[in-house]
C-alpha cells in the first residue's frame, strides 16, 4: 500500500489524496507505521553518507563523522522529523475548524506525513554527500511538497478550492517558522559544544 501511495502522489496526486482520505480512518495503525518508516529515510541515508562516504570541500581532505556522533545526529534528526510531522498535523487539525472542517487528528497527521513525501525521498542523496546536489534536490523537493499541500488540502479537508488555498498558505507560513526554529535550536546546541565529532581522512 505504501508504495502505491508514493507513486500516486507523484503520478496523480489529486486522486491519491481522495484515496488516502477514504482509507485513513480504517487503517490508522498501518498509516502511522508508514509515517515512521518514511521519516527514517533521510536519517539512515545521512548516517551512511556521513560515516562511510564522507564529503570534501574543494581540494581539502575528506571528512567523515565518527559512528557514535553520526548515530546521535541521525537519531535526533529522526525524532525532529517525527515531531515536525505531528506538530504540523495538530496545527492543521486546529486550523481546520476555521474553515468549517472537522477531520480527525490521525487524518491530519497522516496528511502532514504524506505531503512531506518529496522531502523524505530527497533524503536519499545523503548517501553521497554533495552540496550542489543536496541544494538542487532540496529546492525541487520543497517546491513539490508545497504543490502537494495546495492540491491536497481541499481534498483531505473537503473544503472549496478557494478556502483550501488560504488554508494551505497558512500552513506554509507555519512550516517556514518551524523550519527556522529548528535551525536556530540546532545552532544553539552546536554553540554549546554538542556538535558532531569529525574524522579527517588524508
N, C-alpha and C. Protein backbone atom coordinates (compact mmCIF):
# COMPACT_ATOMS: atom_id res chain seq x y z
N UNK A 1 0.83 -1.22 0.00
CA UNK A 1 0.00 0.00 0.00
C UNK A 1 0.85 1.26 0.00
N UNK A 2 1.93 1.24 0.81
CA UNK A 2 2.74 2.44 0.92
C UNK A 2 3.38 2.83 -0.41
N UNK A 3 3.87 1.82 -1.16
CA UNK A 3 4.48 2.11 -2.46
C UNK A 3 3.46 2.63 -3.45
N UNK A 4 2.24 2.12 -3.37
CA UNK A 4 1.17 2.61 -4.25
C UNK A 4 0.91 4.08 -4.01
N UNK A 5 0.84 4.47 -2.75
CA UNK A 5 0.58 5.87 -2.42
C UNK A 5 1.76 6.76 -2.81
N UNK A 6 2.97 6.27 -2.62
CA UNK A 6 4.13 7.07 -3.00
C UNK A 6 4.12 7.36 -4.49
N UNK A 7 3.85 6.35 -5.28
CA UNK A 7 3.78 6.53 -6.72
C UNK A 7 2.61 7.44 -7.09
N UNK A 8 1.49 7.24 -6.45
CA UNK A 8 0.30 8.03 -6.75
C UNK A 8 0.47 9.50 -6.46
N UNK A 9 1.21 9.83 -5.40
CA UNK A 9 1.42 11.24 -5.05
C UNK A 9 2.23 11.97 -6.10
N UNK A 10 3.02 11.24 -6.87
CA UNK A 10 3.80 11.85 -7.94
C UNK A 10 3.09 11.76 -9.29
N UNK A 11 2.34 10.68 -9.50
CA UNK A 11 1.68 10.45 -10.80
C UNK A 11 0.32 11.13 -10.90
N UNK A 12 -0.49 11.03 -9.85
CA UNK A 12 -1.83 11.63 -9.86
C UNK A 12 -2.22 12.00 -8.43
N UNK A 13 -1.63 13.08 -7.90
CA UNK A 13 -1.83 13.47 -6.50
C UNK A 13 -3.27 13.74 -6.09
N UNK A 14 -4.07 14.33 -6.98
CA UNK A 14 -5.44 14.64 -6.62
C UNK A 14 -6.23 13.36 -6.30
N UNK A 15 -6.14 12.39 -7.19
CA UNK A 15 -6.86 11.14 -6.97
C UNK A 15 -6.29 10.39 -5.77
N UNK A 16 -4.99 10.50 -5.57
CA UNK A 16 -4.35 9.77 -4.47
C UNK A 16 -4.78 10.32 -3.11
N UNK A 17 -4.92 11.64 -3.02
CA UNK A 17 -5.38 12.22 -1.76
C UNK A 17 -6.82 11.82 -1.46
N UNK A 18 -7.64 11.70 -2.48
CA UNK A 18 -9.01 11.22 -2.27
C UNK A 18 -8.99 9.81 -1.69
N UNK A 19 -8.08 8.98 -2.20
CA UNK A 19 -7.95 7.61 -1.74
C UNK A 19 -7.42 7.56 -0.31
N UNK A 20 -6.42 8.36 -0.01
CA UNK A 20 -5.85 8.40 1.35
C UNK A 20 -6.90 8.86 2.35
N UNK A 21 -7.71 9.86 1.97
CA UNK A 21 -8.75 10.36 2.87
C UNK A 21 -9.73 9.25 3.23
N UNK A 22 -10.11 8.45 2.26
CA UNK A 22 -11.09 7.39 2.50
C UNK A 22 -10.52 6.23 3.32
N UNK A 23 -9.22 5.98 3.15
CA UNK A 23 -8.61 4.83 3.81
C UNK A 23 -8.08 5.12 5.21
N UNK A 24 -7.78 6.37 5.51
CA UNK A 24 -7.08 6.71 6.75
C UNK A 24 -7.77 6.18 8.00
N UNK A 25 -9.04 6.45 8.16
CA UNK A 25 -9.74 6.07 9.38
C UNK A 25 -9.83 4.56 9.55
N UNK A 26 -9.87 3.84 8.45
CA UNK A 26 -9.99 2.38 8.52
C UNK A 26 -8.65 1.70 8.77
N UNK A 27 -7.55 2.41 8.59
CA UNK A 27 -6.22 1.81 8.72
C UNK A 27 -5.29 2.72 9.52
N UNK A 28 -5.74 3.19 10.68
CA UNK A 28 -4.97 4.15 11.46
C UNK A 28 -3.56 3.64 11.78
N UNK A 29 -3.47 2.47 12.37
CA UNK A 29 -2.18 1.94 12.81
C UNK A 29 -1.24 1.72 11.63
N UNK A 30 -1.79 1.22 10.52
CA UNK A 30 -0.97 0.95 9.35
C UNK A 30 -0.41 2.24 8.79
N UNK A 31 -1.22 3.27 8.70
CA UNK A 31 -0.76 4.54 8.16
C UNK A 31 0.29 5.19 9.05
N UNK A 32 0.08 5.13 10.37
CA UNK A 32 1.05 5.72 11.28
C UNK A 32 2.37 4.95 11.24
N UNK A 33 2.31 3.65 11.02
CA UNK A 33 3.53 2.85 10.88
C UNK A 33 4.29 3.29 9.62
N UNK A 34 3.56 3.59 8.56
CA UNK A 34 4.17 4.06 7.33
C UNK A 34 4.88 5.40 7.54
N UNK A 35 4.29 6.23 8.38
CA UNK A 35 4.89 7.52 8.70
C UNK A 35 6.27 7.30 9.32
N UNK A 36 6.34 6.37 10.25
CA UNK A 36 7.61 6.09 10.94
C UNK A 36 8.66 5.55 9.97
N UNK A 37 8.23 4.75 9.01
CA UNK A 37 9.16 4.19 8.02
C UNK A 37 9.67 5.28 7.08
N UNK A 38 8.77 6.08 6.55
CA UNK A 38 9.16 7.14 5.61
C UNK A 38 10.11 8.13 6.25
N UNK A 39 9.84 8.50 7.49
CA UNK A 39 10.66 9.50 8.17
C UNK A 39 12.08 9.02 8.42
N UNK A 40 12.29 7.70 8.36
CA UNK A 40 13.63 7.15 8.63
C UNK A 40 14.56 7.25 7.42
N UNK A 41 14.01 7.47 6.23
CA UNK A 41 14.83 7.50 5.02
C UNK A 41 15.96 8.54 5.09
N UNK A 42 15.67 9.80 5.41
CA UNK A 42 16.76 10.79 5.46
C UNK A 42 17.81 10.47 6.53
N UNK A 43 17.36 10.00 7.69
CA UNK A 43 18.30 9.72 8.79
C UNK A 43 19.23 8.56 8.46
N UNK A 44 18.69 7.48 7.91
CA UNK A 44 19.51 6.33 7.55
C UNK A 44 20.50 6.69 6.44
N UNK A 45 20.01 7.42 5.44
CA UNK A 45 20.87 7.82 4.33
C UNK A 45 22.00 8.74 4.81
N UNK A 46 21.65 9.69 5.66
CA UNK A 46 22.65 10.63 6.16
C UNK A 46 23.69 9.93 7.03
N UNK A 47 23.24 8.96 7.83
CA UNK A 47 24.17 8.23 8.68
C UNK A 47 25.19 7.48 7.82
N UNK A 48 24.70 6.81 6.79
CA UNK A 48 25.60 6.07 5.90
C UNK A 48 26.58 7.03 5.20
N UNK A 49 26.04 8.10 4.66
CA UNK A 49 26.89 9.05 3.94
C UNK A 49 27.93 9.69 4.83
N UNK A 50 27.54 10.02 6.07
CA UNK A 50 28.46 10.71 6.97
C UNK A 50 29.56 9.80 7.50
N UNK A 51 29.28 8.49 7.62
CA UNK A 51 30.26 7.58 8.19
C UNK A 51 31.02 6.75 7.16
N UNK A 52 30.41 6.51 6.01
CA UNK A 52 31.03 5.63 5.01
C UNK A 52 31.55 6.39 3.79
N UNK A 53 30.75 7.32 3.29
CA UNK A 53 31.14 8.05 2.07
C UNK A 53 31.98 9.27 2.41
N UNK A 54 31.48 10.08 3.33
CA UNK A 54 32.17 11.32 3.68
C UNK A 54 32.01 12.37 2.60
N UNK A 55 32.57 13.54 2.81
CA UNK A 55 32.49 14.61 1.83
C UNK A 55 33.75 15.47 1.92
N UNK A 56 33.96 16.25 0.91
CA UNK A 56 35.11 17.14 0.90
C UNK A 56 34.69 18.48 0.30
N UNK A 57 35.39 19.52 0.72
CA UNK A 57 35.12 20.87 0.21
C UNK A 57 36.33 21.32 -0.59
N UNK A 58 36.15 21.45 -1.89
CA UNK A 58 37.26 21.83 -2.75
C UNK A 58 38.33 20.74 -2.75
N UNK A 59 39.55 21.16 -2.50
CA UNK A 59 40.68 20.22 -2.51
C UNK A 59 41.07 19.76 -1.11
N UNK A 60 40.24 20.07 -0.12
CA UNK A 60 40.54 19.69 1.25
C UNK A 60 40.38 18.19 1.45
N UNK A 61 40.89 17.70 2.57
CA UNK A 61 40.80 16.28 2.86
C UNK A 61 39.34 15.85 3.02
N UNK A 62 39.13 14.55 2.84
CA UNK A 62 37.79 14.01 3.01
C UNK A 62 37.41 14.02 4.48
N UNK A 63 36.17 14.36 4.76
CA UNK A 63 35.71 14.47 6.14
C UNK A 63 34.58 13.47 6.38
N UNK A 64 34.65 12.79 7.52
CA UNK A 64 33.59 11.88 7.93
C UNK A 64 33.25 12.15 9.39
N UNK A 65 32.07 11.72 9.81
CA UNK A 65 31.70 11.81 11.21
C UNK A 65 32.03 10.49 11.89
N UNK A 66 32.34 10.55 13.16
CA UNK A 66 32.54 9.32 13.90
C UNK A 66 31.21 8.58 13.97
N UNK A 67 31.21 7.25 13.99
CA UNK A 67 29.96 6.48 14.04
C UNK A 67 29.06 6.88 15.20
N UNK A 68 29.65 7.11 16.37
CA UNK A 68 28.86 7.48 17.54
C UNK A 68 28.18 8.82 17.34
N UNK A 69 28.94 9.79 16.85
CA UNK A 69 28.41 11.13 16.61
C UNK A 69 27.33 11.10 15.54
N UNK A 70 27.58 10.36 14.45
CA UNK A 70 26.60 10.28 13.35
C UNK A 70 25.32 9.60 13.81
N UNK A 71 25.44 8.59 14.67
CA UNK A 71 24.26 7.88 15.16
C UNK A 71 23.39 8.80 16.01
N UNK A 72 24.03 9.59 16.86
CA UNK A 72 23.28 10.53 17.69
C UNK A 72 22.56 11.56 16.83
N UNK A 73 23.28 12.10 15.84
CA UNK A 73 22.69 13.11 14.97
C UNK A 73 21.55 12.52 14.13
N UNK A 74 21.73 11.28 13.65
CA UNK A 74 20.68 10.64 12.86
C UNK A 74 19.44 10.40 13.70
N UNK A 75 19.65 9.97 14.96
CA UNK A 75 18.52 9.73 15.86
C UNK A 75 17.79 11.03 16.17
N UNK A 76 18.54 12.09 16.46
CA UNK A 76 17.93 13.39 16.74
C UNK A 76 17.17 13.91 15.53
N UNK A 77 17.75 13.73 14.34
CA UNK A 77 17.09 14.18 13.12
C UNK A 77 15.78 13.42 12.90
N UNK A 78 15.82 12.12 13.17
CA UNK A 78 14.62 11.28 13.00
C UNK A 78 13.49 11.76 13.92
N UNK A 79 13.82 11.96 15.19
CA UNK A 79 12.79 12.40 16.13
C UNK A 79 12.33 13.82 15.84
N UNK A 80 13.23 14.64 15.30
CA UNK A 80 12.84 16.00 14.91
C UNK A 80 11.84 15.97 13.76
N UNK A 81 12.07 15.04 12.80
CA UNK A 81 11.15 14.89 11.67
C UNK A 81 9.78 14.45 12.17
N UNK A 82 9.77 13.44 13.06
CA UNK A 82 8.51 12.94 13.61
C UNK A 82 7.78 14.05 14.37
N UNK A 83 8.54 14.79 15.18
CA UNK A 83 7.94 15.88 15.96
C UNK A 83 7.37 16.94 15.03
N UNK A 84 8.10 17.26 13.95
CA UNK A 84 7.62 18.25 12.99
C UNK A 84 6.34 17.80 12.30
N UNK A 85 6.28 16.52 11.94
CA UNK A 85 5.08 15.97 11.29
C UNK A 85 3.88 16.07 12.22
N UNK A 86 4.09 15.65 13.47
CA UNK A 86 3.00 15.67 14.44
C UNK A 86 2.55 17.10 14.71
N UNK A 87 3.52 18.01 14.88
CA UNK A 87 3.18 19.41 15.14
C UNK A 87 2.35 20.00 14.00
N UNK A 88 2.81 19.77 12.77
CA UNK A 88 2.08 20.31 11.62
C UNK A 88 0.70 19.66 11.50
N UNK A 89 0.62 18.36 11.81
CA UNK A 89 -0.68 17.69 11.78
C UNK A 89 -1.65 18.27 12.80
N UNK A 90 -1.15 18.54 13.99
CA UNK A 90 -2.00 19.12 15.03
C UNK A 90 -2.41 20.54 14.66
N UNK A 91 -1.49 21.28 14.04
CA UNK A 91 -1.85 22.63 13.60
C UNK A 91 -2.94 22.58 12.53
N UNK A 92 -2.80 21.66 11.59
CA UNK A 92 -3.81 21.50 10.54
C UNK A 92 -5.16 21.15 11.17
N UNK A 93 -5.14 20.25 12.17
CA UNK A 93 -6.38 19.85 12.85
C UNK A 93 -7.02 21.05 13.53
N UNK A 94 -6.19 21.87 14.19
CA UNK A 94 -6.72 23.05 14.88
C UNK A 94 -7.24 24.08 13.89
N UNK A 95 -6.50 24.29 12.82
CA UNK A 95 -6.86 25.31 11.84
C UNK A 95 -8.09 24.92 11.03
N UNK A 96 -8.32 23.61 10.88
CA UNK A 96 -9.44 23.14 10.05
C UNK A 96 -10.78 23.68 10.53
N UNK A 97 -10.91 23.89 11.82
CA UNK A 97 -12.18 24.39 12.37
C UNK A 97 -12.53 25.76 11.81
N UNK A 98 -11.50 26.55 11.52
CA UNK A 98 -11.71 27.89 10.96
C UNK A 98 -12.40 27.82 9.61
N UNK A 99 -12.17 26.71 8.88
CA UNK A 99 -12.73 26.56 7.54
C UNK A 99 -13.91 25.59 7.50
N UNK A 100 -14.48 25.33 8.67
CA UNK A 100 -15.68 24.51 8.73
C UNK A 100 -15.46 23.03 8.51
N UNK A 101 -14.22 22.57 8.70
CA UNK A 101 -13.92 21.15 8.52
C UNK A 101 -13.63 20.53 9.88
N UNK A 102 -13.87 19.24 10.02
CA UNK A 102 -13.64 18.57 11.31
C UNK A 102 -12.97 17.21 11.13
N UNK A 103 -11.77 17.21 10.54
CA UNK A 103 -11.06 15.94 10.36
C UNK A 103 -10.51 15.43 11.69
N UNK A 104 -10.21 14.15 11.78
CA UNK A 104 -9.62 13.59 12.99
C UNK A 104 -8.15 13.99 13.07
N UNK A 105 -7.58 13.90 14.27
CA UNK A 105 -6.16 14.21 14.42
C UNK A 105 -5.31 13.24 13.60
N UNK A 106 -5.72 11.97 13.59
CA UNK A 106 -4.96 10.98 12.83
C UNK A 106 -4.91 11.34 11.35
N UNK A 107 -6.05 11.73 10.81
CA UNK A 107 -6.11 12.08 9.39
C UNK A 107 -5.19 13.28 9.09
N UNK A 108 -5.16 14.24 9.99
CA UNK A 108 -4.32 15.43 9.77
C UNK A 108 -2.84 15.09 9.86
N UNK A 109 -2.47 14.22 10.81
CA UNK A 109 -1.07 13.83 10.93
C UNK A 109 -0.64 13.01 9.71
N UNK A 110 -1.51 12.11 9.25
CA UNK A 110 -1.20 11.31 8.07
C UNK A 110 -1.06 12.21 6.84
N UNK A 111 -1.93 13.20 6.73
CA UNK A 111 -1.83 14.14 5.61
C UNK A 111 -0.52 14.90 5.67
N UNK A 112 -0.14 15.35 6.85
CA UNK A 112 1.12 16.06 7.03
C UNK A 112 2.29 15.18 6.61
N UNK A 113 2.24 13.91 6.99
CA UNK A 113 3.33 12.99 6.67
C UNK A 113 3.44 12.70 5.18
N UNK A 114 2.32 12.44 4.54
CA UNK A 114 2.35 12.12 3.11
C UNK A 114 2.68 13.33 2.25
N UNK A 115 2.28 14.50 2.70
CA UNK A 115 2.60 15.72 1.95
C UNK A 115 4.10 15.97 1.93
N UNK A 116 4.78 15.53 2.98
CA UNK A 116 6.23 15.72 3.07
C UNK A 116 7.01 14.63 2.34
N UNK A 117 6.33 13.75 1.61
CA UNK A 117 6.98 12.63 0.92
C UNK A 117 8.19 13.05 0.08
N UNK A 118 8.12 14.13 -0.72
CA UNK A 118 9.31 14.52 -1.50
C UNK A 118 10.53 14.82 -0.63
N UNK A 119 10.30 15.32 0.57
CA UNK A 119 11.41 15.64 1.47
C UNK A 119 12.08 14.37 1.99
N UNK A 120 11.27 13.30 2.20
CA UNK A 120 11.87 12.03 2.60
C UNK A 120 12.71 11.47 1.46
N UNK A 121 12.11 11.46 0.27
CA UNK A 121 12.76 10.84 -0.88
C UNK A 121 14.09 11.53 -1.20
N UNK A 122 14.10 12.85 -1.15
CA UNK A 122 15.34 13.57 -1.48
C UNK A 122 16.41 13.30 -0.44
N UNK A 123 16.00 12.81 0.73
CA UNK A 123 16.97 12.47 1.77
C UNK A 123 17.94 11.39 1.34
N UNK A 124 17.59 10.64 0.30
CA UNK A 124 18.45 9.57 -0.21
C UNK A 124 19.80 10.11 -0.69
N UNK A 125 19.82 11.38 -1.13
CA UNK A 125 21.08 11.95 -1.62
C UNK A 125 22.11 12.03 -0.50
N UNK A 126 21.66 11.87 0.74
CA UNK A 126 22.59 11.90 1.87
C UNK A 126 23.57 10.74 1.85
N UNK A 127 23.27 9.70 1.06
CA UNK A 127 24.18 8.56 0.94
C UNK A 127 25.52 9.00 0.34
N UNK A 128 25.45 9.97 -0.56
CA UNK A 128 26.67 10.50 -1.17
C UNK A 128 26.64 12.03 -1.02
N UNK A 129 27.10 12.54 0.12
CA UNK A 129 27.00 13.98 0.39
C UNK A 129 27.66 14.85 -0.67
N UNK A 130 26.88 15.77 -1.20
CA UNK A 130 27.39 16.72 -2.19
C UNK A 130 26.56 17.98 -2.06
N UNK A 131 27.21 19.10 -1.80
CA UNK A 131 26.49 20.34 -1.52
C UNK A 131 25.58 20.75 -2.67
N UNK A 132 26.08 20.74 -3.89
CA UNK A 132 25.29 21.18 -5.04
C UNK A 132 24.08 20.28 -5.27
N UNK A 133 24.31 18.96 -5.22
CA UNK A 133 23.22 18.01 -5.44
C UNK A 133 22.16 18.14 -4.34
N UNK A 134 22.62 18.29 -3.09
CA UNK A 134 21.69 18.43 -1.97
C UNK A 134 20.86 19.70 -2.09
N UNK A 135 21.50 20.79 -2.50
CA UNK A 135 20.80 22.07 -2.64
C UNK A 135 19.74 21.99 -3.73
N UNK A 136 20.12 21.49 -4.90
CA UNK A 136 19.17 21.38 -6.01
C UNK A 136 18.03 20.43 -5.66
N UNK A 137 18.40 19.29 -5.07
CA UNK A 137 17.38 18.32 -4.68
C UNK A 137 16.41 18.88 -3.66
N UNK A 138 16.94 19.62 -2.69
CA UNK A 138 16.09 20.20 -1.65
C UNK A 138 15.12 21.23 -2.21
N UNK A 139 15.59 22.06 -3.14
CA UNK A 139 14.72 23.07 -3.75
C UNK A 139 13.57 22.41 -4.50
N UNK A 140 13.90 21.37 -5.28
CA UNK A 140 12.87 20.65 -6.03
C UNK A 140 11.88 19.97 -5.08
N UNK A 141 12.42 19.34 -4.03
CA UNK A 141 11.56 18.63 -3.07
C UNK A 141 10.63 19.59 -2.33
N UNK A 142 11.15 20.73 -1.92
CA UNK A 142 10.33 21.72 -1.21
C UNK A 142 9.23 22.25 -2.12
N UNK A 143 9.60 22.52 -3.37
CA UNK A 143 8.61 23.04 -4.33
C UNK A 143 7.48 22.04 -4.55
N UNK A 144 7.82 20.76 -4.69
CA UNK A 144 6.77 19.76 -4.93
C UNK A 144 5.96 19.50 -3.66
N UNK A 145 6.59 19.62 -2.51
CA UNK A 145 5.87 19.48 -1.24
C UNK A 145 4.81 20.56 -1.11
N UNK A 146 5.18 21.79 -1.46
CA UNK A 146 4.22 22.90 -1.41
C UNK A 146 3.08 22.64 -2.40
N UNK A 147 3.42 22.14 -3.57
CA UNK A 147 2.40 21.80 -4.58
C UNK A 147 1.43 20.75 -4.03
N UNK A 148 1.97 19.70 -3.41
CA UNK A 148 1.11 18.66 -2.83
C UNK A 148 0.21 19.24 -1.74
N UNK A 149 0.74 20.18 -0.99
CA UNK A 149 -0.05 20.81 0.06
C UNK A 149 -1.25 21.54 -0.51
N UNK A 150 -1.02 22.34 -1.56
CA UNK A 150 -2.11 23.10 -2.16
C UNK A 150 -3.12 22.19 -2.86
N UNK A 151 -2.63 21.08 -3.41
CA UNK A 151 -3.52 20.13 -4.07
C UNK A 151 -4.31 19.32 -3.05
N UNK A 152 -3.64 18.92 -1.97
CA UNK A 152 -4.24 18.00 -1.02
C UNK A 152 -5.20 18.59 0.00
N UNK A 153 -4.94 19.81 0.44
CA UNK A 153 -5.78 20.40 1.49
C UNK A 153 -7.28 20.40 1.14
N UNK A 154 -7.69 20.88 -0.03
CA UNK A 154 -9.14 20.88 -0.32
C UNK A 154 -9.73 19.48 -0.32
N UNK A 155 -8.96 18.48 -0.75
CA UNK A 155 -9.48 17.12 -0.85
C UNK A 155 -9.52 16.42 0.50
N UNK A 156 -8.46 16.57 1.28
CA UNK A 156 -8.43 15.92 2.59
C UNK A 156 -9.39 16.59 3.57
N UNK A 157 -9.54 17.90 3.47
CA UNK A 157 -10.40 18.62 4.40
C UNK A 157 -11.84 18.76 3.88
N UNK A 158 -12.03 18.42 2.59
CA UNK A 158 -13.34 18.51 1.94
C UNK A 158 -13.90 19.93 2.03
N UNK A 159 -13.09 20.88 1.56
CA UNK A 159 -13.49 22.28 1.54
C UNK A 159 -13.29 22.82 0.12
N UNK A 160 -13.91 23.96 -0.22
CA UNK A 160 -13.75 24.54 -1.56
C UNK A 160 -12.30 24.90 -1.88
N UNK A 161 -11.96 24.92 -3.16
CA UNK A 161 -10.61 25.22 -3.60
C UNK A 161 -10.13 26.58 -3.09
N UNK A 162 -11.02 27.59 -3.09
CA UNK A 162 -10.63 28.94 -2.65
C UNK A 162 -10.21 28.93 -1.18
N UNK A 163 -10.99 28.26 -0.35
CA UNK A 163 -10.64 28.17 1.07
C UNK A 163 -9.38 27.32 1.26
N UNK A 164 -9.25 26.31 0.43
CA UNK A 164 -8.07 25.45 0.52
C UNK A 164 -6.79 26.21 0.24
N UNK A 165 -6.86 27.18 -0.67
CA UNK A 165 -5.68 27.99 -0.99
C UNK A 165 -5.25 28.79 0.22
N UNK A 166 -6.20 29.43 0.90
CA UNK A 166 -5.88 30.22 2.09
C UNK A 166 -5.37 29.33 3.22
N UNK A 167 -6.01 28.18 3.39
CA UNK A 167 -5.62 27.23 4.41
C UNK A 167 -4.17 26.77 4.17
N UNK A 168 -3.87 26.38 2.95
CA UNK A 168 -2.54 25.89 2.61
C UNK A 168 -1.48 26.97 2.81
N UNK A 169 -1.83 28.22 2.48
CA UNK A 169 -0.89 29.32 2.65
C UNK A 169 -0.53 29.51 4.12
N UNK A 170 -1.52 29.36 4.99
CA UNK A 170 -1.27 29.46 6.44
C UNK A 170 -0.32 28.36 6.90
N UNK A 171 -0.51 27.16 6.35
CA UNK A 171 0.34 26.03 6.72
C UNK A 171 1.78 26.26 6.26
N UNK A 172 1.95 26.81 5.05
CA UNK A 172 3.28 27.10 4.53
C UNK A 172 4.00 28.08 5.46
N UNK A 173 3.30 29.11 5.90
CA UNK A 173 3.90 30.11 6.79
C UNK A 173 4.35 29.48 8.11
N UNK A 174 3.49 28.65 8.69
CA UNK A 174 3.83 27.99 9.95
C UNK A 174 5.00 27.02 9.74
N UNK A 175 4.99 26.32 8.61
CA UNK A 175 6.08 25.40 8.30
C UNK A 175 7.42 26.10 8.20
N UNK A 176 7.43 27.29 7.60
CA UNK A 176 8.66 28.06 7.48
C UNK A 176 9.17 28.50 8.86
N UNK A 177 8.24 28.92 9.71
CA UNK A 177 8.62 29.32 11.07
C UNK A 177 9.20 28.13 11.83
N UNK A 178 8.57 26.95 11.67
CA UNK A 178 9.05 25.74 12.32
C UNK A 178 10.46 25.38 11.84
N UNK A 179 10.69 25.50 10.53
CA UNK A 179 11.99 25.18 9.97
C UNK A 179 13.08 26.10 10.51
N UNK A 180 12.79 27.40 10.55
CA UNK A 180 13.75 28.36 11.07
C UNK A 180 14.04 28.09 12.55
N UNK A 181 12.99 27.77 13.30
CA UNK A 181 13.15 27.47 14.72
C UNK A 181 14.07 26.27 14.94
N UNK A 182 13.88 25.22 14.13
CA UNK A 182 14.73 24.04 14.25
C UNK A 182 16.18 24.37 13.93
N UNK A 183 16.40 25.23 12.93
CA UNK A 183 17.76 25.62 12.58
C UNK A 183 18.41 26.40 13.71
N UNK A 184 17.64 27.28 14.34
CA UNK A 184 18.17 28.09 15.44
C UNK A 184 18.52 27.20 16.63
N UNK A 185 17.64 26.26 16.96
CA UNK A 185 17.90 25.34 18.07
C UNK A 185 19.15 24.51 17.81
N UNK A 186 19.31 24.05 16.56
CA UNK A 186 20.49 23.28 16.19
C UNK A 186 21.77 24.12 16.37
N UNK A 187 21.71 25.37 15.92
CA UNK A 187 22.87 26.26 16.05
C UNK A 187 23.22 26.50 17.52
N UNK A 188 22.21 26.63 18.36
CA UNK A 188 22.43 26.85 19.78
C UNK A 188 23.12 25.64 20.42
N UNK A 189 22.67 24.44 20.07
CA UNK A 189 23.28 23.24 20.61
C UNK A 189 24.73 23.10 20.16
N UNK A 190 24.99 23.43 18.88
CA UNK A 190 26.36 23.37 18.38
C UNK A 190 27.23 24.38 19.12
N UNK A 191 26.66 25.57 19.38
CA UNK A 191 27.40 26.61 20.09
C UNK A 191 27.70 26.24 21.53
N UNK A 192 26.88 25.35 22.11
CA UNK A 192 27.08 24.90 23.50
C UNK A 192 28.04 23.71 23.58
N UNK A 193 28.59 23.31 22.43
CA UNK A 193 29.56 22.22 22.44
C UNK A 193 28.99 20.85 22.17
N UNK A 194 27.74 20.78 21.70
CA UNK A 194 27.11 19.49 21.43
C UNK A 194 27.14 19.16 19.94
N UNK A 195 28.10 19.69 19.23
CA UNK A 195 28.22 19.43 17.80
C UNK A 195 28.79 18.05 17.54
N UNK A 196 28.86 17.65 16.26
CA UNK A 196 29.33 16.32 15.90
C UNK A 196 30.86 16.19 16.01
N UNK A 197 31.32 14.93 16.08
CA UNK A 197 32.75 14.66 16.09
C UNK A 197 33.20 14.27 14.69
N UNK A 198 34.29 14.87 14.21
CA UNK A 198 34.74 14.65 12.84
C UNK A 198 35.97 13.77 12.77
N UNK A 199 36.09 13.09 11.62
CA UNK A 199 37.31 12.35 11.29
C UNK A 199 37.80 12.87 9.95
N UNK A 200 39.03 13.32 9.86
CA UNK A 200 39.58 13.83 8.61
C UNK A 200 40.44 12.75 7.99
N UNK A 201 40.09 12.35 6.77
CA UNK A 201 40.81 11.29 6.09
C UNK A 201 41.81 11.91 5.13
N UNK A 202 43.06 11.67 5.30
CA UNK A 202 44.07 12.28 4.47
C UNK A 202 44.18 11.64 3.09
